[in-house]
Protein backbone atom coordinates (compact mmCIF):
# COMPACT_ATOMS: atom_id res chain seq x y z
CA MET A 1 -15.06 40.58 -6.84
CA VAL A 2 -15.98 38.11 -9.60
CA ILE A 3 -13.86 37.81 -12.74
CA MET A 4 -14.87 35.77 -15.78
CA ILE A 5 -11.91 34.19 -17.56
CA LYS A 6 -12.54 34.35 -21.31
CA GLY A 7 -10.88 33.27 -24.47
CA LEU A 8 -10.45 29.61 -23.52
CA LYS A 9 -10.42 27.11 -26.37
CA SER A 10 -12.21 24.45 -24.32
CA LYS A 11 -15.31 24.33 -22.15
CA LEU A 12 -13.48 24.81 -18.88
CA TYR A 13 -15.31 28.00 -17.90
CA ILE A 14 -14.23 29.04 -14.42
CA ILE A 15 -15.12 31.83 -12.03
CA PHE A 16 -12.59 33.35 -9.64
CA CYS A 17 -14.08 32.99 -6.18
CA LEU A 18 -11.56 33.52 -3.39
CA PHE A 19 -7.92 33.36 -2.40
CA ILE A 20 -6.92 30.25 -0.50
CA PHE A 21 -3.73 28.43 0.39
CA PHE A 22 -3.26 24.72 0.85
CA SER A 23 -0.07 23.13 2.09
CA GLY A 24 1.71 20.00 0.87
CA THR A 25 0.56 17.99 3.86
CA SER A 26 -2.90 17.71 5.41
CA GLU A 27 -3.53 19.15 8.83
CA GLY A 28 -6.62 17.16 9.82
CA ALA A 29 -5.93 14.42 12.35
CA ASN A 30 -8.09 11.96 10.42
CA ILE A 31 -7.00 12.88 6.89
CA VAL A 32 -4.50 10.80 4.92
CA ARG A 33 -2.87 11.57 1.59
CA VAL A 34 -2.54 8.63 -0.81
CA ALA A 35 -0.45 8.64 -4.00
CA ILE A 36 -2.70 6.82 -6.45
CA LYS A 37 -0.79 7.15 -9.71
CA THR A 38 1.84 8.90 -11.80
CA SER A 39 0.97 9.58 -15.42
CA PRO A 40 1.78 11.98 -18.29
CA ASN A 41 -1.93 12.85 -18.59
CA ILE A 42 -5.04 12.47 -16.48
CA LYS A 43 -8.76 12.36 -17.30
CA LEU A 44 -11.02 13.73 -14.57
CA GLU A 45 -14.77 13.78 -14.16
CA THR A 46 -16.39 15.67 -11.30
CA ALA A 47 -19.84 16.43 -9.93
CA GLU A 48 -21.46 19.80 -10.54
CA GLY A 49 -20.26 22.39 -8.07
CA ALA A 50 -16.68 21.09 -7.85
CA ARG A 51 -13.91 23.62 -7.16
CA ILE A 52 -10.32 23.83 -8.19
CA PHE A 53 -7.65 25.47 -6.02
CA ASP A 54 -4.47 26.75 -7.61
CA ALA A 55 -1.76 26.70 -4.95
CA ALA A 56 0.81 28.69 -6.89
CA TYR A 57 -1.45 31.75 -7.15
CA ASN A 58 -3.55 31.15 -3.99
CA ARG A 59 -6.82 31.27 -5.94
CA SER A 60 -9.98 29.22 -6.19
CA PHE A 61 -12.40 28.58 -9.05
CA ILE A 62 -15.78 26.96 -9.51
CA ILE A 63 -15.53 24.40 -12.30
CA LYS A 64 -18.27 24.71 -14.93
CA SER A 65 -17.13 21.72 -16.98
CA GLN A 66 -17.29 18.34 -15.26
CA GLN A 67 -14.93 16.60 -17.71
CA MET A 68 -11.29 17.63 -17.74
CA THR A 69 -8.02 16.59 -19.32
CA VAL A 70 -4.91 17.38 -17.29
CA THR A 71 -1.43 17.48 -18.80
CA PRO A 72 1.93 18.85 -17.63
CA SER A 73 3.06 22.17 -19.09
CA ASN A 74 6.05 24.41 -18.55
CA PRO A 75 6.33 25.13 -15.70
CA GLY A 76 2.93 24.09 -14.37
CA ILE A 77 -0.23 22.15 -15.26
CA THR A 78 -2.71 22.54 -18.11
CA ILE A 79 -6.39 21.70 -17.59
CA ASN A 80 -8.50 21.81 -20.75
CA ASN A 81 -6.00 24.25 -22.32
CA SER A 82 -6.05 26.57 -19.29
CA GLU A 83 -2.76 27.18 -17.49
CA PHE A 84 -2.34 26.68 -13.75
CA GLY A 85 0.54 26.50 -11.30
CA SER A 86 2.52 23.40 -10.43
CA ALA A 87 -0.07 22.02 -7.98
CA VAL A 88 -3.86 22.09 -8.03
CA LYS A 89 -6.48 20.56 -5.77
CA ILE A 90 -9.96 19.56 -6.92
CA ILE A 91 -12.68 19.36 -4.29
CA THR A 92 -16.14 18.00 -5.04
CA PRO A 93 -19.35 18.60 -3.08
CA ALA A 94 -19.92 16.42 0.00
CA ASP A 95 -20.90 12.78 -0.63
CA THR A 96 -19.93 12.89 -4.29
CA LEU A 97 -17.14 11.06 -6.10
CA ILE A 98 -14.44 12.23 -8.46
CA LYS A 99 -13.35 10.00 -11.33
CA VAL A 100 -9.64 9.75 -12.11
CA ASP A 101 -9.29 7.98 -15.44
CA LYS A 102 -11.53 4.91 -14.89
CA ASN A 103 -11.72 4.86 -11.11
CA ASN A 104 -13.87 6.78 -8.61
CA TYR A 105 -12.57 8.29 -5.38
CA ARG A 106 -14.00 9.91 -2.30
CA GLY A 107 -12.40 13.02 -0.86
CA SER A 108 -10.38 15.48 -2.93
CA ILE A 109 -7.73 15.05 -5.61
CA GLU A 110 -4.45 16.94 -5.74
CA ILE A 111 -2.36 16.92 -8.91
CA ARG A 112 1.30 17.92 -8.79
CA ARG A 113 3.67 18.58 -11.64
CA GLY A 114 6.41 15.99 -11.39
CA GLU A 115 9.70 15.39 -13.13
CA ARG A 116 10.06 14.35 -16.77
CA ASP A 117 6.63 15.64 -17.81
CA SER A 118 4.74 13.50 -15.32
CA LEU A 119 1.80 14.19 -13.02
CA LEU A 120 1.52 12.87 -9.49
CA VAL A 121 -2.08 12.27 -8.37
CA ILE A 122 -2.81 12.32 -4.63
CA ASN A 123 -6.13 11.43 -3.02
CA GLU A 124 -6.70 13.39 0.19
CA ILE A 125 -9.33 11.51 2.17
CA ASP A 126 -10.74 10.83 5.62
CA ILE A 127 -9.10 7.78 7.18
CA GLU A 128 -12.40 5.89 7.57
CA ASP A 129 -13.34 6.43 3.91
CA TYR A 130 -9.81 5.40 2.93
CA LEU A 131 -10.22 2.10 4.78
CA LYS A 132 -13.40 1.36 2.83
CA GLY A 133 -11.21 1.34 -0.27
CA VAL A 134 -8.58 -0.91 1.31
CA ILE A 135 -10.18 -3.90 3.02
CA ASN A 136 -11.83 -5.56 0.02
CA GLU A 137 -8.58 -5.09 -1.91
CA GLU A 138 -6.48 -6.75 0.79
CA ILE A 139 -8.87 -9.60 1.73
CA SER A 140 -12.31 -10.81 0.65
CA ALA A 141 -15.49 -9.13 1.87
CA LYS A 142 -16.91 -12.67 2.12
CA TRP A 143 -14.62 -13.54 5.03
CA HIS A 144 -15.91 -13.77 8.59
CA HIS A 145 -16.91 -10.39 10.02
CA GLU A 146 -14.45 -10.62 12.93
CA SER A 147 -11.55 -11.05 10.50
CA LEU A 148 -12.78 -8.04 8.51
CA LYS A 149 -12.81 -6.00 11.72
CA ALA A 150 -9.28 -7.14 12.59
CA GLN A 151 -8.12 -6.07 9.11
CA ALA A 152 -9.81 -2.68 9.53
CA VAL A 153 -7.97 -2.04 12.81
CA VAL A 154 -4.52 -3.01 11.51
CA ALA A 155 -5.03 -1.08 8.25
CA ARG A 156 -6.13 2.01 10.20
CA THR A 157 -3.18 1.72 12.57
CA TYR A 158 -0.72 1.19 9.72
CA ALA A 159 -2.03 4.20 7.80
CA LEU A 160 -1.91 6.56 10.78
CA TYR A 161 1.55 5.32 11.76
CA GLN A 162 2.83 6.05 8.25
CA LYS A 163 1.13 9.45 8.28
CA GLU A 164 3.01 10.33 11.44
CA ARG A 165 6.30 8.99 10.05
CA ARG A 166 5.93 10.74 6.69
CA LYS A 167 4.29 13.94 7.90
CA ASP A 168 6.72 16.12 5.94
CA ASN A 169 6.33 14.19 2.68
CA PRO A 170 3.94 15.13 -0.17
CA TYR A 171 1.92 12.00 0.62
CA HIS A 172 1.66 9.48 3.44
CA LEU A 173 0.86 6.25 1.60
CA GLU A 174 1.08 4.57 -1.78
CA ALA A 175 -1.95 2.78 -3.19
CA THR A 176 0.01 -0.43 -3.86
CA THR A 177 1.57 -3.30 -1.90
CA ALA A 178 4.39 -0.87 -1.11
CA ASP A 179 1.96 0.16 1.65
CA GLN A 180 -1.62 -1.10 1.41
CA VAL A 181 -3.62 -1.85 -1.72
CA TYR A 182 -6.15 0.97 -2.13
CA GLY A 183 -8.69 1.02 -4.93
CA GLY A 184 -10.78 4.05 -4.12
CA ALA A 185 -14.51 3.34 -4.34
CA ARG A 186 -14.25 0.64 -7.02
CA ASN A 187 -14.53 -2.40 -4.72
CA GLU A 188 -16.30 -0.99 -1.71
CA ASP A 189 -18.66 -3.54 -0.20
CA GLU A 190 -21.41 -3.26 2.39
CA ARG A 191 -19.75 -5.92 4.56
CA THR A 192 -16.31 -4.33 4.62
CA ASN A 193 -17.81 -0.87 5.10
CA ARG A 194 -19.65 -2.22 8.14
CA ALA A 195 -16.38 -3.58 9.54
CA VAL A 196 -14.89 -0.10 9.24
CA GLU A 197 -17.86 1.48 11.00
CA ASP A 198 -17.91 -1.21 13.73
CA THR A 199 -14.27 -0.41 14.57
CA ARG A 200 -14.34 3.33 13.87
CA GLY A 201 -11.34 5.02 15.46
CA ILE A 202 -9.89 1.83 16.99
CA VAL A 203 -6.11 1.45 16.72
CA LEU A 204 -3.26 -0.62 18.17
CA THR A 205 -0.80 1.08 20.51
CA TYR A 206 2.32 0.11 22.41
CA ASP A 207 3.85 2.26 25.15
CA GLY A 208 1.30 4.93 24.31
CA ARG A 209 2.27 5.17 20.63
CA LEU A 210 0.79 3.82 17.44
CA ALA A 211 2.05 0.29 16.83
CA LYS A 212 3.83 -0.81 13.67
CA ALA A 213 0.91 -2.91 12.53
CA PHE A 214 2.58 -4.89 9.76
CA TYR A 215 0.64 -7.76 8.23
CA HIS A 216 0.94 -10.35 5.47
CA SER A 217 -1.11 -12.92 3.57
CA ALA A 218 -0.12 -16.31 5.05
CA SER A 219 2.53 -17.21 7.62
CA GLY A 220 2.96 -20.84 6.62
CA GLY A 221 2.74 -21.92 10.26
CA ILE A 222 4.76 -19.25 12.06
CA THR A 223 5.18 -15.49 11.81
CA GLU A 224 8.56 -13.76 11.49
CA ASP A 225 10.69 -11.52 13.70
CA VAL A 226 10.62 -8.00 12.25
CA THR A 227 14.39 -7.60 12.74
CA ASP A 228 15.03 -10.49 10.34
CA VAL A 229 13.18 -8.63 7.58
CA TRP A 230 13.96 -4.94 8.07
CA GLY A 231 16.69 -4.98 10.71
CA GLY A 232 16.81 -2.46 13.54
CA GLU A 233 16.16 -3.09 17.20
CA GLY A 234 12.72 -4.56 16.61
CA GLU A 235 9.58 -4.50 18.71
CA SER A 236 8.51 -7.07 21.30
CA TYR A 237 5.06 -7.38 19.70
CA LEU A 238 6.57 -8.30 16.31
CA LYS A 239 8.26 -11.58 17.27
CA PRO A 240 7.54 -15.06 15.86
CA VAL A 241 4.10 -16.42 16.78
CA LYS A 242 3.01 -19.96 16.01
CA CYS A 243 0.09 -19.96 13.59
CA ASP A 244 -2.05 -23.07 13.13
CA PHE A 245 -4.94 -21.20 11.54
CA ASP A 246 -3.82 -20.50 7.95
CA ARG A 247 -3.73 -24.01 6.51
CA ASP A 248 -6.55 -23.19 4.07
CA ALA A 249 -4.50 -20.43 2.47
CA PRO A 250 -3.91 -21.05 -1.27
CA ASN A 251 -0.19 -20.47 -0.73
CA TYR A 252 0.17 -22.38 2.51
CA GLN A 253 2.40 -24.71 0.46
CA TRP A 254 3.97 -23.86 -2.87
CA GLU A 255 6.80 -24.84 -5.19
CA VAL A 256 8.37 -23.42 -8.31
CA GLU A 257 10.99 -24.70 -10.76
CA MET A 258 13.53 -22.33 -12.30
CA ASP A 259 16.35 -22.90 -14.72
CA LYS A 260 19.76 -21.31 -14.18
CA ALA A 261 19.31 -18.79 -16.97
CA HIS A 262 16.21 -17.34 -15.30
CA ILE A 263 18.06 -16.80 -12.01
CA GLU A 264 21.17 -15.42 -13.72
CA THR A 265 19.07 -12.94 -15.70
CA ALA A 266 17.23 -11.76 -12.58
CA PHE A 267 20.53 -11.17 -10.77
CA SER A 268 22.04 -9.45 -13.81
CA ARG A 269 19.14 -6.94 -13.84
CA ASN A 270 20.14 -6.08 -10.29
CA GLY A 271 23.78 -5.55 -11.18
CA ILE A 272 25.06 -8.93 -9.88
CA ARG A 273 26.99 -11.31 -12.16
CA THR A 274 26.26 -14.98 -11.44
CA ASP A 275 27.21 -16.62 -14.74
CA ASP A 276 26.91 -20.42 -14.96
CA ILE A 277 25.45 -21.14 -11.51
CA SER A 278 26.52 -24.52 -10.16
CA SER A 279 24.77 -24.55 -6.78
CA ILE A 280 22.47 -22.65 -4.41
CA GLU A 281 22.95 -23.43 -0.72
CA ILE A 282 21.09 -22.10 2.29
CA ILE A 283 23.68 -21.35 4.97
CA SER A 284 21.64 -19.83 7.80
CA PHE A 285 18.07 -19.48 9.06
CA THR A 286 16.07 -16.96 11.08
CA SER A 287 14.42 -17.86 14.38
CA SER A 288 11.26 -18.86 12.49
CA LYS A 289 13.28 -21.16 10.19
CA ARG A 290 13.05 -18.84 7.21
CA VAL A 291 16.05 -18.40 4.94
CA SER A 292 18.48 -15.87 6.36
CA GLU A 293 21.39 -16.23 3.91
CA LEU A 294 22.33 -18.22 0.82
CA TYR A 295 25.48 -18.99 -1.13
CA ILE A 296 25.18 -18.91 -4.91
CA THR A 297 28.21 -20.63 -6.43
CA HIS A 298 28.95 -19.68 -10.04
CA ARG A 299 31.78 -19.62 -12.55
CA ASN A 300 33.48 -16.57 -11.08
CA GLY A 301 33.09 -17.33 -7.39
CA VAL A 302 30.45 -17.32 -4.66
CA GLU A 303 27.74 -14.72 -4.08
CA LYS A 304 26.44 -14.39 -0.53
CA ILE A 305 22.94 -12.93 -0.33
CA SER A 306 20.18 -12.60 2.25
CA GLY A 307 16.95 -14.52 1.87
CA VAL A 308 15.02 -11.23 1.82
CA ASP A 309 17.13 -9.88 -1.06
CA PHE A 310 17.00 -13.18 -2.94
CA ARG A 311 13.21 -13.09 -2.84
CA ARG A 312 13.14 -9.46 -3.99
CA ILE A 313 15.50 -10.15 -6.90
CA ILE A 314 13.74 -13.28 -8.15
CA GLY A 315 10.28 -11.76 -7.58
CA TYR A 316 7.80 -11.72 -4.73
CA ASP A 317 5.21 -13.55 -6.82
CA THR A 318 7.70 -16.32 -7.63
CA ILE A 319 9.40 -16.88 -4.27
CA LYS A 320 6.28 -16.28 -2.20
CA SER A 321 8.04 -16.17 1.17
CA THR A 322 11.47 -16.76 2.67
CA LEU A 323 10.13 -19.87 4.40
CA PHE A 324 11.51 -22.09 1.63
CA ARG A 325 14.07 -24.75 0.79
CA VAL A 326 15.90 -25.46 -2.47
CA LYS A 327 17.29 -28.47 -4.27
CA GLU A 328 18.85 -29.11 -7.65
CA ASN A 329 16.41 -30.29 -10.28
CA GLY A 330 17.99 -31.41 -13.55
CA GLY A 331 19.42 -28.31 -15.18
CA GLY A 332 17.83 -25.95 -12.69
CA PHE A 333 16.49 -25.68 -9.16
CA LEU A 334 13.28 -26.51 -7.32
CA PHE A 335 12.17 -24.06 -4.64
CA TYR A 336 9.46 -25.25 -2.27
CA GLY A 337 8.05 -23.52 0.75
CA ARG A 338 5.12 -22.29 2.81
CA GLY A 339 3.29 -19.03 3.25
CA SER A 340 3.08 -15.77 1.34
CA GLY A 341 4.51 -12.38 2.22
CA HIS A 342 7.15 -11.09 4.62
CA GLY A 343 5.66 -12.97 7.56
CA VAL A 344 5.67 -10.10 10.09
CA GLY A 345 2.65 -9.31 12.28
CA LEU A 346 -0.90 -10.38 11.53
CA CYS A 347 -1.44 -13.33 9.20
CA GLN A 348 -4.53 -12.50 7.14
CA TRP A 349 -5.46 -16.13 6.43
CA GLY A 350 -4.72 -16.97 10.04
CA ALA A 351 -7.09 -14.21 11.16
CA LYS A 352 -9.74 -15.72 8.90
CA GLY A 353 -9.19 -19.14 10.43
CA MET A 354 -9.33 -17.79 13.99
CA ALA A 355 -12.56 -15.90 13.28
CA GLU A 356 -14.17 -19.05 11.88
CA LYS A 357 -13.24 -20.85 15.11
CA GLY A 358 -15.07 -18.25 17.19
CA TYR A 359 -12.31 -15.80 18.13
CA SER A 360 -13.20 -12.09 18.26
CA PHE A 361 -11.28 -9.42 16.43
CA THR A 362 -9.66 -8.35 19.71
CA ASP A 363 -8.60 -11.97 20.37
CA ILE A 364 -7.03 -12.08 16.90
CA LEU A 365 -5.16 -8.82 17.32
CA LYS A 366 -3.79 -9.74 20.75
CA TYR A 367 -2.65 -13.11 19.42
CA TYR A 368 -0.61 -11.76 16.53
CA TYR A 369 0.62 -8.64 18.36
CA PRO A 370 1.26 -9.86 21.93
CA GLY A 371 1.48 -7.02 24.43
CA ILE A 372 -0.29 -4.36 22.35
CA GLU A 373 -3.19 -2.28 23.61
CA ILE A 374 -6.41 -1.76 21.64
CA LYS A 375 -7.70 1.79 21.99
CA ARG A 376 -10.24 4.09 20.40
CA MET A 377 -8.89 7.47 19.28
CA LYS A 378 -10.56 10.54 20.72
């Protein structure tokens, strides 16, 4: 049965093709779901032959118009003035891209009606294609090939670990530093794509399970114990490792000056009153000599805060790691330190340095994650 839908004000002419159901999570072992943006409206551009699936009514259409505007409606989604349910999936023909606003993506796009008239956009994509959109966002495609391969393995392991952990969620990963930076097809590069293919299916495991393959930009000379960042019991392969390979990192050493008002404002935004700060004192350190806790003395008393929370409150781009020290500087404070990021697991600049000294990607991975196994998925 074929039904033409008429009377539309726009050029979204669609043909009813079949009934189909798609769930909130992907079933394929190698498919990941990535939240790429939330927006009140979305512009889409697809290749000829694309299809749209309406989950609410279990129906599928062939899209005759390749350019679409998507907005929230009550209670569902409007595409070029046509009403759909609260979740739709757009699938393009094989080896074609779909444009979401100004960026192109492989795989399919799901759009969900969110709260407060927002739309959640999810890219459902094969893990290997996903990695092609990650590596050149996280590091440079110009780096040594062995470091690119190491990045591919840890990014693949991280993504699949999060997929397993978040299997009941609408998506497995965010496209930002909250997980891994993912840019779709915008910065794909032949060199990083080759690193993905050269390591296809290879992951890190420990005790037969996917490892927690955390990584960061630069260790500043030593990596961090995972328990000192996120607590818990920790893992033996995420303990401090000496790193003499990241000295060329742009943030191997850094310093920043801040006046009291800047710090007080940052704390106030987080619901903490620290009016008229008189001193900031580090009172304890982690096993890697990072800041564990600080005292902030102010007019109304003393605020005790962890180094991890202090960095979050002030800003990750300002206090680049918790491997820092502080001293008074006129009317404010001077913070000076080493490294960039949380410090757990693989050091990206260290991996670069090791590769340039002749280490293989497996050497690099075993160095930063001692005790892990490197396996290829079936």
